[in-house]
Amino acid sequence: MLLTKPELVAERDDSSVALAELYNETAQPQAALDYLLGRRFHPWEGGEGKVLKQYTTARLLLGQQALEAGNVAVALEHFLMAMQPPDNLGEAYHLLQAKADVCYWTGKALRALGRDEEAVVQFESSASEAGDFKAMAVTEHSELSFFRGLSLIELGRMKEAKTLFEDFMDFAEREFATKATIDYFSTSLPRLLVFEENLDELKQRHAKHLMNLAAQGLEQWAQK
């Protein structure tokens, strides 16, 4: 639908980042990256971090594709660029931004290149992260917990990895069983038009996603 009205989409930053997100979610990260790099974005209330997320996602997906194809040097370049957004995106990452996923994939590329000491540094950085900033609040676990656990596996710290994935699963199950709440005094909400969506359904869908990640982590742990 967005592609049928490109001129209209181009008038709005929120519609443009939605298109980039759809490109990423439909395995077209190069299209997402090209679209993001070809537009000047401006931060808007409630949209903080959305453009950065899609840029990083595109870089990580492209890096994974290159890694799978054996183009390790290209993969490493994408992973290193993932946290270095160009000026046209209108935002920059905070120095304390969680990046367990980026560090994990950077470590995988470095290990594939035989640069194991550098890889260990990246895995250690990923594994040592604690918490994440999601939905305008600090949360104990997020999607990044999955990569923290994978990094622990890469480091051979199997007991810690299992404990993390089990805690991750417990957290996701509690989130699934807890009613959604919203701070009506927030000046910057993670979603626009909040009253038009079923917040409980959205929260449960996200919790299921986290549960799936925790299960995947435990499965990978069991295979080692």
N, C-alpha and C. Protein backbone atom coordinates (compact mmCIF):
# COMPACT_ATOMS: atom_id res chain seq x y z
N MET A 1 0.83 -1.19 0.00
CA MET A 1 0.00 0.00 0.00
C MET A 1 0.88 1.26 0.00
N LEU A 2 1.92 1.26 0.82
CA LEU A 2 2.81 2.42 0.86
C LEU A 2 3.51 2.63 -0.48
N LEU A 3 3.85 1.56 -1.14
CA LEU A 3 4.57 1.68 -2.42
C LEU A 3 3.68 2.21 -3.53
N THR A 4 2.37 2.15 -3.34
CA THR A 4 1.47 2.69 -4.37
C THR A 4 1.36 4.20 -4.28
N LYS A 5 1.81 4.78 -3.17
CA LYS A 5 1.72 6.24 -2.99
C LYS A 5 3.07 6.80 -2.52
N PRO A 6 4.11 6.60 -3.32
CA PRO A 6 5.46 7.01 -2.86
C PRO A 6 5.59 8.49 -2.58
N GLU A 7 4.91 9.34 -3.36
CA GLU A 7 5.02 10.78 -3.13
C GLU A 7 4.43 11.17 -1.78
N LEU A 8 3.30 10.54 -1.44
CA LEU A 8 2.66 10.83 -0.16
C LEU A 8 3.50 10.32 1.00
N VAL A 9 4.05 9.11 0.86
CA VAL A 9 4.91 8.55 1.90
C VAL A 9 6.11 9.45 2.13
N ALA A 10 6.67 9.97 1.05
CA ALA A 10 7.88 10.80 1.15
C ALA A 10 7.64 12.10 1.88
N GLU A 11 6.39 12.50 2.05
CA GLU A 11 6.08 13.74 2.76
C GLU A 11 6.20 13.60 4.27
N ARG A 12 6.25 12.36 4.77
CA ARG A 12 6.21 12.15 6.23
C ARG A 12 7.35 11.24 6.67
N ASP A 13 8.02 11.66 7.73
CA ASP A 13 9.09 10.83 8.29
C ASP A 13 8.53 9.53 8.88
N ASP A 14 7.38 9.60 9.54
CA ASP A 14 6.84 8.40 10.18
C ASP A 14 6.44 7.35 9.15
N SER A 15 5.85 7.79 8.03
CA SER A 15 5.49 6.86 6.97
C SER A 15 6.74 6.28 6.31
N SER A 16 7.76 7.11 6.17
CA SER A 16 9.00 6.65 5.53
C SER A 16 9.71 5.59 6.37
N VAL A 17 9.74 5.79 7.68
CA VAL A 17 10.40 4.79 8.52
C VAL A 17 9.55 3.52 8.60
N ALA A 18 8.23 3.66 8.47
CA ALA A 18 7.37 2.48 8.41
C ALA A 18 7.69 1.65 7.17
N LEU A 19 7.94 2.32 6.05
CA LEU A 19 8.30 1.61 4.83
C LEU A 19 9.64 0.90 5.00
N ALA A 20 10.61 1.58 5.60
CA ALA A 20 11.90 0.94 5.85
C ALA A 20 11.76 -0.27 6.76
N GLU A 21 10.89 -0.16 7.76
CA GLU A 21 10.65 -1.29 8.66
C GLU A 21 10.07 -2.48 7.91
N LEU A 22 9.14 -2.21 7.01
CA LEU A 22 8.53 -3.28 6.23
C LEU A 22 9.55 -3.94 5.30
N TYR A 23 10.44 -3.13 4.73
CA TYR A 23 11.51 -3.71 3.92
C TYR A 23 12.35 -4.67 4.75
N ASN A 24 12.72 -4.25 5.96
CA ASN A 24 13.52 -5.11 6.83
C ASN A 24 12.78 -6.38 7.21
N GLU A 25 11.49 -6.24 7.50
CA GLU A 25 10.71 -7.39 7.95
C GLU A 25 10.38 -8.36 6.82
N THR A 26 10.55 -7.93 5.58
CA THR A 26 10.29 -8.81 4.44
C THR A 26 11.60 -9.18 3.73
N ALA A 27 12.69 -9.22 4.49
CA ALA A 27 13.99 -9.68 4.00
C ALA A 27 14.51 -8.85 2.83
N GLN A 28 14.30 -7.55 2.91
CA GLN A 28 14.83 -6.64 1.90
C GLN A 28 15.66 -5.53 2.57
N PRO A 29 16.70 -5.92 3.34
CA PRO A 29 17.45 -4.92 4.09
C PRO A 29 18.20 -3.92 3.21
N GLN A 30 18.62 -4.33 2.01
CA GLN A 30 19.31 -3.39 1.14
C GLN A 30 18.36 -2.28 0.70
N ALA A 31 17.10 -2.65 0.41
CA ALA A 31 16.10 -1.64 0.05
C ALA A 31 15.85 -0.71 1.23
N ALA A 32 15.81 -1.26 2.44
CA ALA A 32 15.61 -0.43 3.64
C ALA A 32 16.77 0.55 3.81
N LEU A 33 17.99 0.04 3.68
CA LEU A 33 19.17 0.89 3.87
C LEU A 33 19.22 1.99 2.81
N ASP A 34 18.97 1.61 1.55
CA ASP A 34 18.99 2.61 0.47
C ASP A 34 17.95 3.70 0.71
N TYR A 35 16.78 3.29 1.18
CA TYR A 35 15.71 4.26 1.41
C TYR A 35 16.08 5.21 2.56
N LEU A 36 16.65 4.65 3.62
CA LEU A 36 17.03 5.47 4.77
C LEU A 36 18.15 6.44 4.42
N LEU A 37 19.11 5.98 3.63
CA LEU A 37 20.24 6.82 3.28
C LEU A 37 19.88 7.91 2.28
N GLY A 38 18.75 7.73 1.62
CA GLY A 38 18.35 8.69 0.59
C GLY A 38 17.40 9.77 1.05
N ARG A 39 17.22 9.89 2.37
CA ARG A 39 16.25 10.85 2.89
C ARG A 39 16.81 11.57 4.11
N ARG A 40 16.44 12.81 4.27
CA ARG A 40 16.80 13.57 5.47
C ARG A 40 15.67 13.45 6.47
N PHE A 41 15.93 12.86 7.63
CA PHE A 41 14.92 12.69 8.67
C PHE A 41 15.06 13.78 9.72
N HIS A 42 13.95 14.05 10.40
CA HIS A 42 13.93 15.02 11.49
C HIS A 42 13.23 14.36 12.69
N PRO A 43 13.81 14.40 13.88
CA PRO A 43 13.19 13.78 15.05
C PRO A 43 11.78 14.32 15.30
N TRP A 44 10.87 13.43 15.69
CA TRP A 44 9.52 13.87 16.03
C TRP A 44 9.09 13.23 17.34
N GLU A 45 8.18 13.91 18.03
CA GLU A 45 7.71 13.45 19.35
C GLU A 45 7.08 12.07 19.23
N GLY A 46 7.58 11.12 20.01
CA GLY A 46 7.08 9.76 19.97
C GLY A 46 7.82 8.88 18.99
N GLY A 47 8.70 9.46 18.19
CA GLY A 47 9.42 8.68 17.19
C GLY A 47 10.89 8.52 17.49
N GLU A 48 11.30 8.88 18.69
CA GLU A 48 12.72 8.82 19.03
C GLU A 48 13.27 7.40 18.88
N GLY A 49 14.33 7.28 18.13
CA GLY A 49 15.00 6.00 17.98
C GLY A 49 14.46 5.11 16.89
N LYS A 50 13.32 5.45 16.29
CA LYS A 50 12.72 4.57 15.29
C LYS A 50 13.58 4.47 14.03
N VAL A 51 14.08 5.61 13.57
CA VAL A 51 14.91 5.60 12.36
C VAL A 51 16.23 4.88 12.64
N LEU A 52 16.82 5.15 13.79
CA LEU A 52 18.07 4.50 14.16
C LEU A 52 17.90 2.98 14.20
N LYS A 53 16.78 2.53 14.75
CA LYS A 53 16.55 1.09 14.86
C LYS A 53 16.52 0.43 13.49
N GLN A 54 15.84 1.05 12.53
CA GLN A 54 15.74 0.44 11.21
C GLN A 54 17.08 0.48 10.48
N TYR A 55 17.86 1.52 10.69
CA TYR A 55 19.19 1.59 10.10
C TYR A 55 20.06 0.46 10.64
N THR A 56 20.07 0.30 11.96
CA THR A 56 20.87 -0.75 12.58
C THR A 56 20.40 -2.13 12.16
N THR A 57 19.08 -2.31 12.11
CA THR A 57 18.52 -3.59 11.69
C THR A 57 18.95 -3.94 10.28
N ALA A 58 18.88 -2.98 9.37
CA ALA A 58 19.29 -3.21 7.99
C ALA A 58 20.77 -3.61 7.92
N ARG A 59 21.62 -2.91 8.66
CA ARG A 59 23.04 -3.23 8.66
C ARG A 59 23.29 -4.65 9.20
N LEU A 60 22.60 -5.00 10.30
CA LEU A 60 22.79 -6.33 10.88
C LEU A 60 22.31 -7.42 9.94
N LEU A 61 21.16 -7.21 9.29
CA LEU A 61 20.64 -8.22 8.36
C LEU A 61 21.57 -8.39 7.16
N LEU A 62 22.07 -7.28 6.63
CA LEU A 62 23.01 -7.36 5.51
C LEU A 62 24.30 -8.05 5.93
N GLY A 63 24.75 -7.78 7.14
CA GLY A 63 25.95 -8.44 7.65
C GLY A 63 25.75 -9.93 7.80
N GLN A 64 24.58 -10.33 8.30
CA GLN A 64 24.29 -11.75 8.45
C GLN A 64 24.24 -12.45 7.09
N GLN A 65 23.64 -11.78 6.10
CA GLN A 65 23.59 -12.35 4.75
C GLN A 65 25.00 -12.55 4.21
N ALA A 66 25.86 -11.55 4.40
CA ALA A 66 27.24 -11.64 3.92
C ALA A 66 28.01 -12.73 4.65
N LEU A 67 27.77 -12.85 5.95
CA LEU A 67 28.46 -13.87 6.75
C LEU A 67 28.07 -15.27 6.27
N GLU A 68 26.79 -15.47 6.02
CA GLU A 68 26.31 -16.77 5.54
C GLU A 68 26.87 -17.10 4.16
N ALA A 69 27.12 -16.07 3.35
CA ALA A 69 27.66 -16.28 2.01
C ALA A 69 29.17 -16.41 1.99
N GLY A 70 29.80 -16.26 3.16
CA GLY A 70 31.24 -16.38 3.24
C GLY A 70 31.99 -15.09 2.99
N ASN A 71 31.26 -13.98 2.84
CA ASN A 71 31.89 -12.67 2.63
C ASN A 71 32.11 -12.01 3.99
N VAL A 72 33.07 -12.55 4.74
CA VAL A 72 33.22 -12.16 6.14
C VAL A 72 33.66 -10.71 6.29
N ALA A 73 34.55 -10.25 5.43
CA ALA A 73 35.02 -8.87 5.53
C ALA A 73 33.87 -7.89 5.30
N VAL A 74 33.01 -8.20 4.34
CA VAL A 74 31.84 -7.35 4.08
C VAL A 74 30.91 -7.39 5.28
N ALA A 75 30.72 -8.57 5.84
CA ALA A 75 29.86 -8.71 7.02
C ALA A 75 30.38 -7.85 8.17
N LEU A 76 31.67 -7.92 8.42
CA LEU A 76 32.25 -7.15 9.52
C LEU A 76 32.04 -5.65 9.30
N GLU A 77 32.18 -5.19 8.06
CA GLU A 77 31.98 -3.78 7.77
C GLU A 77 30.55 -3.34 8.10
N HIS A 78 29.57 -4.16 7.74
CA HIS A 78 28.18 -3.84 8.08
C HIS A 78 27.98 -3.79 9.59
N PHE A 79 28.54 -4.77 10.30
CA PHE A 79 28.37 -4.80 11.75
C PHE A 79 29.03 -3.59 12.42
N LEU A 80 30.19 -3.20 11.92
CA LEU A 80 30.87 -2.04 12.49
C LEU A 80 30.12 -0.74 12.20
N MET A 81 29.42 -0.69 11.08
CA MET A 81 28.67 0.50 10.71
C MET A 81 27.30 0.58 11.39
N ALA A 82 26.88 -0.51 12.00
CA ALA A 82 25.52 -0.58 12.54
C ALA A 82 25.23 0.48 13.59
N MET A 83 26.25 0.86 14.35
CA MET A 83 26.07 1.86 15.41
C MET A 83 26.64 3.21 15.00
N GLN A 84 26.88 3.40 13.70
CA GLN A 84 27.42 4.66 13.21
C GLN A 84 26.49 5.26 12.17
N PRO A 85 25.32 5.74 12.59
CA PRO A 85 24.35 6.28 11.65
C PRO A 85 24.84 7.55 10.99
N PRO A 86 24.53 7.75 9.72
CA PRO A 86 24.93 8.99 9.03
C PRO A 86 24.10 10.17 9.52
N ASP A 87 24.59 11.36 9.25
CA ASP A 87 23.94 12.58 9.73
C ASP A 87 22.52 12.75 9.21
N ASN A 88 22.24 12.23 8.03
CA ASN A 88 20.91 12.47 7.44
C ASN A 88 19.78 11.81 8.22
N LEU A 89 20.12 10.88 9.12
CA LEU A 89 19.07 10.24 9.92
C LEU A 89 18.55 11.14 11.03
N GLY A 90 19.28 12.21 11.33
CA GLY A 90 18.79 13.20 12.28
C GLY A 90 18.93 12.83 13.73
N GLU A 91 19.52 11.67 14.03
CA GLU A 91 19.72 11.22 15.41
C GLU A 91 21.05 10.50 15.51
N ALA A 92 21.54 10.38 16.72
CA ALA A 92 22.76 9.61 16.98
C ALA A 92 22.55 8.78 18.24
N TYR A 93 23.25 7.68 18.33
CA TYR A 93 23.13 6.82 19.50
C TYR A 93 23.82 7.45 20.71
N HIS A 94 23.20 7.26 21.87
CA HIS A 94 23.82 7.64 23.13
C HIS A 94 25.00 6.71 23.38
N LEU A 95 26.02 7.22 24.05
CA LEU A 95 27.21 6.42 24.33
C LEU A 95 26.88 5.17 25.16
N LEU A 96 25.81 5.24 25.95
CA LEU A 96 25.43 4.10 26.80
C LEU A 96 24.36 3.22 26.15
N GLN A 97 24.08 3.43 24.87
CA GLN A 97 23.08 2.63 24.17
C GLN A 97 23.43 1.15 24.24
N ALA A 98 22.45 0.32 24.62
CA ALA A 98 22.67 -1.12 24.64
C ALA A 98 22.93 -1.63 23.23
N LYS A 99 23.89 -2.51 23.07
CA LYS A 99 24.24 -3.00 21.74
C LYS A 99 24.73 -4.45 21.79
N ALA A 100 24.08 -5.26 22.60
CA ALA A 100 24.48 -6.66 22.73
C ALA A 100 24.40 -7.39 21.41
N ASP A 101 23.40 -7.06 20.59
CA ASP A 101 23.26 -7.73 19.29
C ASP A 101 24.40 -7.36 18.35
N VAL A 102 24.73 -6.07 18.29
CA VAL A 102 25.80 -5.61 17.42
C VAL A 102 27.14 -6.22 17.85
N CYS A 103 27.41 -6.22 19.14
CA CYS A 103 28.66 -6.80 19.63
C CYS A 103 28.73 -8.29 19.35
N TYR A 104 27.61 -8.99 19.50
CA TYR A 104 27.60 -10.43 19.23
C TYR A 104 27.97 -10.72 17.78
N TRP A 105 27.30 -10.02 16.85
CA TRP A 105 27.56 -10.29 15.43
C TRP A 105 28.95 -9.83 15.03
N THR A 106 29.43 -8.74 15.61
CA THR A 106 30.80 -8.31 15.34
C THR A 106 31.78 -9.37 15.81
N GLY A 107 31.51 -9.94 16.97
CA GLY A 107 32.35 -11.02 17.47
C GLY A 107 32.34 -12.24 16.57
N LYS A 108 31.18 -12.58 16.04
CA LYS A 108 31.08 -13.73 15.13
C LYS A 108 31.92 -13.51 13.88
N ALA A 109 31.87 -12.29 13.33
CA ALA A 109 32.65 -11.99 12.13
C ALA A 109 34.14 -12.03 12.43
N LEU A 110 34.53 -11.44 13.55
CA LEU A 110 35.94 -11.43 13.93
C LEU A 110 36.46 -12.85 14.16
N ARG A 111 35.65 -13.67 14.79
CA ARG A 111 36.06 -15.07 15.02
C ARG A 111 36.21 -15.80 13.69
N ALA A 112 35.31 -15.53 12.74
CA ALA A 112 35.39 -16.16 11.43
C ALA A 112 36.64 -15.72 10.68
N LEU A 113 37.16 -14.54 11.00
CA LEU A 113 38.38 -14.04 10.37
C LEU A 113 39.63 -14.49 11.11
N GLY A 114 39.46 -15.26 12.18
CA GLY A 114 40.60 -15.74 12.95
C GLY A 114 41.13 -14.73 13.94
N ARG A 115 40.39 -13.66 14.16
CA ARG A 115 40.83 -12.61 15.09
C ARG A 115 40.14 -12.85 16.44
N ASP A 116 40.53 -13.96 17.07
CA ASP A 116 39.78 -14.44 18.23
C ASP A 116 39.88 -13.53 19.44
N GLU A 117 41.05 -12.94 19.68
CA GLU A 117 41.18 -12.06 20.84
C GLU A 117 40.22 -10.87 20.73
N GLU A 118 40.09 -10.30 19.54
CA GLU A 118 39.16 -9.20 19.33
C GLU A 118 37.71 -9.68 19.45
N ALA A 119 37.47 -10.90 18.99
CA ALA A 119 36.12 -11.47 19.08
C ALA A 119 35.70 -11.61 20.53
N VAL A 120 36.61 -12.09 21.37
CA VAL A 120 36.31 -12.28 22.80
C VAL A 120 35.94 -10.95 23.45
N VAL A 121 36.63 -9.89 23.07
CA VAL A 121 36.31 -8.56 23.62
C VAL A 121 34.87 -8.19 23.29
N GLN A 122 34.44 -8.47 22.05
CA GLN A 122 33.08 -8.15 21.64
C GLN A 122 32.06 -9.03 22.38
N PHE A 123 32.35 -10.31 22.51
CA PHE A 123 31.43 -11.20 23.22
C PHE A 123 31.33 -10.81 24.70
N GLU A 124 32.45 -10.42 25.29
CA GLU A 124 32.44 -9.98 26.68
C GLU A 124 31.59 -8.72 26.84
N SER A 125 31.72 -7.79 25.90
CA SER A 125 30.93 -6.56 25.95
C SER A 125 29.45 -6.87 25.85
N SER A 126 29.10 -7.78 24.95
CA SER A 126 27.69 -8.18 24.78
C SER A 126 27.15 -8.85 26.04
N ALA A 127 27.91 -9.79 26.56
CA ALA A 127 27.45 -10.58 27.72
C ALA A 127 27.33 -9.75 28.98
N SER A 128 28.12 -8.69 29.08
CA SER A 128 28.15 -7.91 30.33
C SER A 128 27.06 -6.86 30.40
N GLU A 129 26.30 -6.66 29.33
CA GLU A 129 25.24 -5.66 29.38
C GLU A 129 24.14 -6.10 30.35
N ALA A 130 23.50 -5.13 30.95
CA ALA A 130 22.41 -5.42 31.89
C ALA A 130 21.25 -4.50 31.59
N GLY A 131 20.10 -5.07 31.30
CA GLY A 131 18.91 -4.27 31.06
C GLY A 131 18.92 -3.60 29.70
N ASP A 132 17.81 -2.93 29.41
CA ASP A 132 17.64 -2.21 28.14
C ASP A 132 16.59 -1.15 28.37
N PHE A 133 16.56 -0.17 27.47
CA PHE A 133 15.56 0.90 27.55
C PHE A 133 14.50 0.66 26.49
N LYS A 134 13.30 0.24 26.94
CA LYS A 134 12.22 -0.09 26.02
C LYS A 134 10.94 0.56 26.50
N ALA A 135 10.13 1.01 25.55
CA ALA A 135 8.81 1.57 25.88
C ALA A 135 8.91 2.65 26.94
N MET A 136 9.91 3.52 26.77
CA MET A 136 10.10 4.67 27.65
C MET A 136 10.42 4.28 29.09
N ALA A 137 11.01 3.10 29.30
CA ALA A 137 11.37 2.68 30.65
C ALA A 137 12.50 1.66 30.56
N VAL A 138 13.24 1.54 31.66
CA VAL A 138 14.29 0.53 31.72
C VAL A 138 13.65 -0.81 32.03
N THR A 139 14.03 -1.84 31.27
CA THR A 139 13.46 -3.16 31.47
C THR A 139 14.57 -4.17 31.72
N GLU A 140 14.28 -5.16 32.53
CA GLU A 140 15.27 -6.17 32.91
C GLU A 140 15.72 -7.00 31.71
N HIS A 141 14.76 -7.33 30.84
CA HIS A 141 15.06 -8.14 29.67
C HIS A 141 14.40 -7.55 28.43
N SER A 142 15.01 -7.82 27.30
CA SER A 142 14.45 -7.43 26.00
C SER A 142 15.01 -8.40 24.96
N GLU A 143 14.80 -8.11 23.69
CA GLU A 143 15.36 -8.94 22.64
C GLU A 143 16.87 -9.08 22.78
N LEU A 144 17.51 -8.06 23.34
CA LEU A 144 18.96 -8.10 23.48
C LEU A 144 19.43 -9.18 24.45
N SER A 145 18.55 -9.63 25.34
CA SER A 145 18.92 -10.70 26.26
C SER A 145 19.30 -11.97 25.51
N PHE A 146 18.65 -12.19 24.39
CA PHE A 146 18.94 -13.35 23.55
C PHE A 146 20.42 -13.33 23.12
N PHE A 147 20.90 -12.16 22.70
CA PHE A 147 22.28 -12.04 22.23
C PHE A 147 23.27 -12.06 23.39
N ARG A 148 22.86 -11.57 24.54
CA ARG A 148 23.72 -11.69 25.72
C ARG A 148 23.96 -13.16 26.03
N GLY A 149 22.89 -13.96 25.95
CA GLY A 149 23.02 -15.39 26.20
C GLY A 149 23.88 -16.09 25.17
N LEU A 150 23.68 -15.74 23.90
CA LEU A 150 24.49 -16.34 22.84
C LEU A 150 25.96 -16.00 23.01
N SER A 151 26.24 -14.78 23.46
CA SER A 151 27.62 -14.38 23.69
C SER A 151 28.24 -15.19 24.84
N LEU A 152 27.46 -15.45 25.86
CA LEU A 152 27.96 -16.29 26.96
C LEU A 152 28.30 -17.68 26.45
N ILE A 153 27.49 -18.21 25.54
CA ILE A 153 27.79 -19.52 24.95
C ILE A 153 29.10 -19.45 24.18
N GLU A 154 29.28 -18.38 23.39
CA GLU A 154 30.52 -18.23 22.61
C GLU A 154 31.74 -18.17 23.53
N LEU A 155 31.54 -17.65 24.73
CA LEU A 155 32.65 -17.55 25.70
C LEU A 155 32.82 -18.83 26.51
N GLY A 156 31.94 -19.80 26.30
CA GLY A 156 32.03 -21.05 27.04
C GLY A 156 31.48 -20.97 28.45
N ARG A 157 30.76 -19.92 28.75
CA ARG A 157 30.20 -19.74 30.10
C ARG A 157 28.78 -20.30 30.11
N MET A 158 28.71 -21.62 30.02
CA MET A 158 27.45 -22.31 29.76
C MET A 158 26.45 -22.20 30.92
N LYS A 159 26.93 -22.29 32.14
CA LYS A 159 26.03 -22.21 33.29
C LYS A 159 25.36 -20.84 33.33
N GLU A 160 26.15 -19.78 33.10
CA GLU A 160 25.60 -18.43 33.10
C GLU A 160 24.60 -18.25 31.97
N ALA A 161 24.90 -18.83 30.81
CA ALA A 161 23.99 -18.73 29.66
C ALA A 161 22.64 -19.37 29.98
N LYS A 162 22.68 -20.55 30.58
CA LYS A 162 21.43 -21.24 30.91
C LYS A 162 20.61 -20.43 31.91
N THR A 163 21.28 -19.90 32.93
CA THR A 163 20.59 -19.09 33.93
C THR A 163 19.95 -17.86 33.29
N LEU A 164 20.68 -17.21 32.39
CA LEU A 164 20.15 -16.02 31.73
C LEU A 164 18.90 -16.37 30.91
N PHE A 165 18.98 -17.43 30.12
CA PHE A 165 17.84 -17.80 29.28
C PHE A 165 16.63 -18.21 30.12
N GLU A 166 16.87 -18.88 31.24
CA GLU A 166 15.77 -19.26 32.13
C GLU A 166 15.14 -18.03 32.76
N ASP A 167 15.96 -17.08 33.20
CA ASP A 167 15.44 -15.83 33.75
C ASP A 167 14.66 -15.05 32.68
N PHE A 168 15.19 -15.07 31.48
CA PHE A 168 14.55 -14.41 30.33
C PHE A 168 13.16 -15.01 30.10
N MET A 169 13.07 -16.34 30.14
CA MET A 169 11.78 -17.01 29.95
C MET A 169 10.81 -16.64 31.07
N ASP A 170 11.26 -16.64 32.31
CA ASP A 170 10.40 -16.28 33.44
C ASP A 170 9.88 -14.85 33.28
N PHE A 171 10.76 -13.95 32.88
CA PHE A 171 10.37 -12.56 32.67
C PHE A 171 9.30 -12.46 31.58
N ALA A 172 9.51 -13.14 30.47
CA ALA A 172 8.55 -13.08 29.36
C ALA A 172 7.20 -13.65 29.76
N GLU A 173 7.20 -14.72 30.54
CA GLU A 173 5.94 -15.32 31.00
C GLU A 173 5.20 -14.38 31.94
N ARG A 174 5.94 -13.68 32.81
CA ARG A 174 5.30 -12.70 33.70
C ARG A 174 4.72 -11.54 32.90
N GLU A 175 5.45 -11.10 31.88
CA GLU A 175 4.96 -10.03 31.02
C GLU A 175 3.67 -10.44 30.32
N PHE A 176 3.61 -11.67 29.88
CA PHE A 176 2.43 -12.16 29.19
C PHE A 176 1.21 -12.15 30.10
N ALA A 177 1.43 -12.43 31.38
CA ALA A 177 0.32 -12.53 32.33
C ALA A 177 -0.06 -11.20 32.96
N THR A 178 0.69 -10.15 32.69
CA THR A 178 0.45 -8.85 33.32
C THR A 178 -0.29 -7.92 32.36
N LYS A 179 -1.29 -7.24 32.89
CA LYS A 179 -2.07 -6.30 32.09
C LYS A 179 -1.20 -5.12 31.64
N ALA A 180 -1.48 -4.63 30.46
CA ALA A 180 -0.76 -3.46 29.95
C ALA A 180 -1.23 -2.21 30.67
N THR A 181 -0.29 -1.30 30.92
CA THR A 181 -0.62 -0.01 31.52
C THR A 181 0.03 1.08 30.69
N ILE A 182 -0.44 2.29 30.84
CA ILE A 182 0.12 3.40 30.09
C ILE A 182 0.17 4.63 30.98
N ASP A 183 1.26 5.36 30.85
CA ASP A 183 1.41 6.60 31.59
C ASP A 183 0.84 7.74 30.76
N TYR A 184 -0.34 8.21 31.12
CA TYR A 184 -1.02 9.24 30.32
C TYR A 184 -0.35 10.61 30.45
N PHE A 185 0.61 10.71 31.34
CA PHE A 185 1.33 11.97 31.47
C PHE A 185 2.65 11.95 30.70
N SER A 186 2.92 10.83 30.00
CA SER A 186 4.13 10.77 29.19
C SER A 186 4.04 11.78 28.06
N THR A 187 5.14 12.43 27.79
CA THR A 187 5.18 13.36 26.65
C THR A 187 5.73 12.69 25.41
N SER A 188 6.24 11.47 25.56
CA SER A 188 6.81 10.78 24.41
C SER A 188 6.50 9.31 24.53
N LEU A 189 5.49 8.85 23.82
CA LEU A 189 5.05 7.48 23.89
C LEU A 189 5.69 6.65 22.78
N PRO A 190 5.87 5.34 23.02
CA PRO A 190 6.53 4.50 22.01
C PRO A 190 5.69 4.28 20.77
N ARG A 191 4.39 4.51 20.85
CA ARG A 191 3.53 4.36 19.68
C ARG A 191 2.65 5.60 19.54
N LEU A 192 2.34 5.94 18.30
CA LEU A 192 1.40 7.01 18.06
C LEU A 192 -0.01 6.44 18.05
N LEU A 193 -1.01 7.26 18.20
CA LEU A 193 -2.42 6.84 18.15
C LEU A 193 -2.69 5.68 19.10
N VAL A 194 -2.25 5.83 20.35
CA VAL A 194 -2.30 4.72 21.30
C VAL A 194 -3.71 4.25 21.59
N PHE A 195 -4.70 5.10 21.42
CA PHE A 195 -6.05 4.71 21.79
C PHE A 195 -6.73 3.85 20.73
N GLU A 196 -6.10 3.67 19.57
CA GLU A 196 -6.72 2.89 18.50
C GLU A 196 -6.24 1.45 18.48
N GLU A 197 -5.42 1.05 19.47
CA GLU A 197 -4.90 -0.30 19.47
C GLU A 197 -5.20 -0.96 20.81
N ASN A 198 -5.31 -2.28 20.76
CA ASN A 198 -5.52 -3.07 21.96
C ASN A 198 -4.17 -3.27 22.63
N LEU A 199 -3.92 -2.52 23.70
CA LEU A 199 -2.60 -2.55 24.33
C LEU A 199 -2.29 -3.91 24.95
N ASP A 200 -3.30 -4.59 25.49
CA ASP A 200 -3.06 -5.91 26.06
C ASP A 200 -2.64 -6.89 24.97
N GLU A 201 -3.29 -6.80 23.82
CA GLU A 201 -2.94 -7.69 22.71
C GLU A 201 -1.52 -7.43 22.23
N LEU A 202 -1.16 -6.16 22.13
CA LEU A 202 0.20 -5.81 21.71
C LEU A 202 1.22 -6.30 22.72
N LYS A 203 0.91 -6.14 24.00
CA LYS A 203 1.84 -6.57 25.05
C LYS A 203 2.02 -8.08 25.04
N GLN A 204 0.92 -8.82 24.87
CA GLN A 204 1.01 -10.27 24.85
C GLN A 204 1.75 -10.77 23.61
N ARG A 205 1.54 -10.09 22.49
CA ARG A 205 2.25 -10.47 21.27
C ARG A 205 3.76 -10.30 21.46
N HIS A 206 4.14 -9.18 22.08
CA HIS A 206 5.56 -8.93 22.33
C HIS A 206 6.11 -9.96 23.33
N ALA A 207 5.32 -10.28 24.35
CA ALA A 207 5.77 -11.26 25.35
C ALA A 207 5.97 -12.63 24.71
N LYS A 208 5.10 -13.01 23.79
CA LYS A 208 5.27 -14.28 23.07
C LYS A 208 6.56 -14.28 22.26
N HIS A 209 6.85 -13.14 21.66
CA HIS A 209 8.09 -13.01 20.89
C HIS A 209 9.30 -13.23 21.80
N LEU A 210 9.27 -12.64 22.99
CA LEU A 210 10.37 -12.82 23.94
C LEU A 210 10.46 -14.27 24.42
N MET A 211 9.30 -14.90 24.62
CA MET A 211 9.29 -16.30 25.03
C MET A 211 9.92 -17.18 23.95
N ASN A 212 9.62 -16.88 22.70
CA ASN A 212 10.21 -17.65 21.60
C ASN A 212 11.73 -17.49 21.56
N LEU A 213 12.19 -16.26 21.80
CA LEU A 213 13.63 -16.03 21.81
C LEU A 213 14.30 -16.79 22.96
N ALA A 214 13.68 -16.76 24.12
CA ALA A 214 14.23 -17.49 25.27
C ALA A 214 14.29 -18.98 24.98
N ALA A 215 13.25 -19.51 24.33
CA ALA A 215 13.22 -20.93 23.98
C ALA A 215 14.31 -21.26 22.97
N GLN A 216 14.51 -20.38 22.00
CA GLN A 216 15.59 -20.58 21.02
C GLN A 216 16.95 -20.59 21.70
N GLY A 217 17.11 -19.68 22.67
CA GLY A 217 18.37 -19.63 23.40
C GLY A 217 18.64 -20.91 24.16
N LEU A 218 17.61 -21.42 24.85
CA LEU A 218 17.77 -22.67 25.60
C LEU A 218 18.05 -23.84 24.65
N GLU A 219 17.45 -23.82 23.47
CA GLU A 219 17.68 -24.86 22.49
C GLU A 219 19.14 -24.84 22.00
N GLN A 220 19.63 -23.62 21.72
CA GLN A 220 21.03 -23.51 21.28
C GLN A 220 21.98 -23.92 22.41
N TRP A 221 21.63 -23.57 23.63
CA TRP A 221 22.46 -23.98 24.78
C TRP A 221 22.51 -25.50 24.86
N ALA A 222 21.37 -26.17 24.67
CA ALA A 222 21.30 -27.62 24.79
C ALA A 222 22.10 -28.33 23.69
N GLN A 223 22.27 -27.67 22.56
CA GLN A 223 22.98 -28.28 21.43
C GLN A 223 24.48 -28.18 21.58
N LYS A 224 24.96 -27.40 22.55
CA LYS A 224 26.40 -27.25 22.72
C LYS A 224 26.98 -28.36 23.61
